[in-house]
Amino acid sequence: MVQPCRILVLSLLLLIFTEREARAYTDPGSGALMWQALVAGFMGAAFYGRKVVTWFRTKKKDREQ
């Protein structure tokens, strides 16, 4: 019996390493907008994550006292 995880990994590798012609075009302005959105999302998540970690640390200190 083949493990489902192994099938998934092999399928992903097959999709990644097979070459097909791309029939799409993205102008440079749209590409820059996509990168900006990705970076902004990452930075927003990092600041929110820092806030959550700080909140948990203060709750832990309150319990210890």
C-alpha atoms as a PDB file:
ATOM      1  CA  MET A   1       0.000   0.000   0.000  1.00  0.00           C
ATOM      2  CA  VAL A   2       1.448   3.339  -1.077  1.00  0.00           C
ATOM      3  CA  GLN A   3       1.288   6.127   1.451  1.00  0.00           C
ATOM      4  CA  PRO A   4      -0.902   9.099   0.432  1.00  0.00           C
ATOM      5  CA  CYS A   5       1.866  11.505   1.414  1.00  0.00           C
ATOM      6  CA  ARG A   6       4.298   9.813  -0.980  1.00  0.00           C
ATOM      7  CA  ILE A   7       1.781  10.078  -3.832  1.00  0.00           C
ATOM      8  CA  LEU A   8       1.275  13.777  -3.090  1.00  0.00           C
ATOM      9  CA  VAL A   9       5.017  14.489  -3.023  1.00  0.00           C
ATOM     10  CA  LEU A  10       5.636  12.582  -6.257  1.00  0.00           C
ATOM     11  CA  SER A  11       2.740  14.381  -7.950  1.00  0.00           C
ATOM     12  CA  LEU A  12       4.064  17.779  -6.872  1.00  0.00           C
ATOM     13  CA  LEU A  13       7.563  16.918  -8.093  1.00  0.00           C
ATOM     14  CA  LEU A  14       6.146  15.797 -11.435  1.00  0.00           C
ATOM     15  CA  LEU A  15       4.242  19.081 -11.801  1.00  0.00           C
ATOM     16  CA  ILE A  16       7.279  21.162 -10.841  1.00  0.00           C
ATOM     17  CA  PHE A  17       9.775  19.437 -13.114  1.00  0.00           C
ATOM     18  CA  THR A  18       7.643  19.079 -16.244  1.00  0.00           C
ATOM     19  CA  GLU A  19       7.999  21.951 -18.649  1.00  0.00           C
ATOM     20  CA  ARG A  20       5.144  23.589 -20.487  1.00  0.00           C
ATOM     21  CA  GLU A  21       4.904  26.734 -22.522  1.00  0.00           C
ATOM     22  CA  ALA A  22       3.415  29.600 -20.565  1.00  0.00           C
ATOM     23  CA  ARG A  23       0.740  31.399 -22.534  1.00  0.00           C
ATOM     24  CA  ALA A  24       0.360  34.313 -20.186  1.00  0.00           C
ATOM     25  CA  TYR A  25       1.652  37.834 -19.890  1.00  0.00           C
ATOM     26  CA  THR A  26       1.953  40.046 -16.867  1.00  0.00           C
ATOM     27  CA  ASP A  27       3.070  43.604 -17.455  1.00  0.00           C
ATOM     28  CA  PRO A  28       5.791  44.936 -15.118  1.00  0.00           C
ATOM     29  CA  GLY A  29       3.390  47.181 -13.212  1.00  0.00           C
ATOM     30  CA  SER A  30       1.153  44.255 -12.268  1.00  0.00           C
ATOM     31  CA  GLY A  31       4.135  42.163 -11.222  1.00  0.00           C
ATOM     32  CA  ALA A  32       5.400  44.939  -8.968  1.00  0.00           C
ATOM     33  CA  LEU A  33       1.927  45.291  -7.463  1.00  0.00           C
ATOM     34  CA  MET A  34       1.820  41.556  -6.697  1.00  0.00           C
ATOM     35  CA  TRP A  35       5.236  41.678  -4.994  1.00  0.00           C
ATOM     36  CA  GLN A  36       4.195  44.715  -2.996  1.00  0.00           C
ATOM     37  CA  ALA A  37       1.035  42.947  -1.821  1.00  0.00           C
ATOM     38  CA  LEU A  38       3.008  39.832  -0.811  1.00  0.00           C
ATOM     39  CA  VAL A  39       5.597  41.836   1.117  1.00  0.00           C
ATOM     40  CA  ALA A  40       2.917  43.952   2.808  1.00  0.00           C
ATOM     41  CA  GLY A  41       1.033  40.815   3.827  1.00  0.00           C
ATOM     42  CA  PHE A  42       4.180  39.235   5.242  1.00  0.00           C
ATOM     43  CA  MET A  43       5.114  42.367   7.180  1.00  0.00           C
ATOM     44  CA  GLY A  44       1.572  42.742   8.521  1.00  0.00           C
ATOM     45  CA  ALA A  45       1.574  39.123   9.684  1.00  0.00           C
ATOM     46  CA  ALA A  46       4.977  39.623  11.338  1.00  0.00           C
ATOM     47  CA  PHE A  47       3.791  42.678  13.299  1.00  0.00           C
ATOM     48  CA  TYR A  48       0.559  40.940  14.300  1.00  0.00           C
ATOM     49  CA  GLY A  49       2.502  37.824  15.336  1.00  0.00           C
ATOM     50  CA  ARG A  50       4.800  39.936  17.491  1.00  0.00           C
ATOM     51  CA  LYS A  51       1.778  41.472  19.189  1.00  0.00           C
ATOM     52  CA  VAL A  52       0.287  38.032  19.902  1.00  0.00           C
ATOM     53  CA  VAL A  53       3.582  36.715  21.314  1.00  0.00           C
ATOM     54  CA  THR A  54       3.900  39.763  23.583  1.00  0.00           C
ATOM     55  CA  TRP A  55       0.321  39.266  24.787  1.00  0.00           C
ATOM     56  CA  PHE A  56       1.039  35.617  25.683  1.00  0.00           C
ATOM     57  CA  ARG A  57       4.240  36.585  27.510  1.00  0.00           C
ATOM     58  CA  THR A  58       2.437  39.157  29.648  1.00  0.00           C
ATOM     59  CA  LYS A  59      -0.291  36.608  30.487  1.00  0.00           C
ATOM     60  CA  LYS A  60       2.387  34.088  31.510  1.00  0.00           C
ATOM     61  CA  LYS A  61       4.100  36.665  33.760  1.00  0.00           C
ATOM     62  CA  ASP A  62       0.755  37.511  35.394  1.00  0.00           C
ATOM     63  CA  ARG A  63       0.145  33.833  36.215  1.00  0.00           C
ATOM     64  CA  GLU A  64       3.622  33.388  37.713  1.00  0.00           C
ATOM     65  CA  GLN A  65       3.196  36.309  40.106  1.00  0.00           C
END
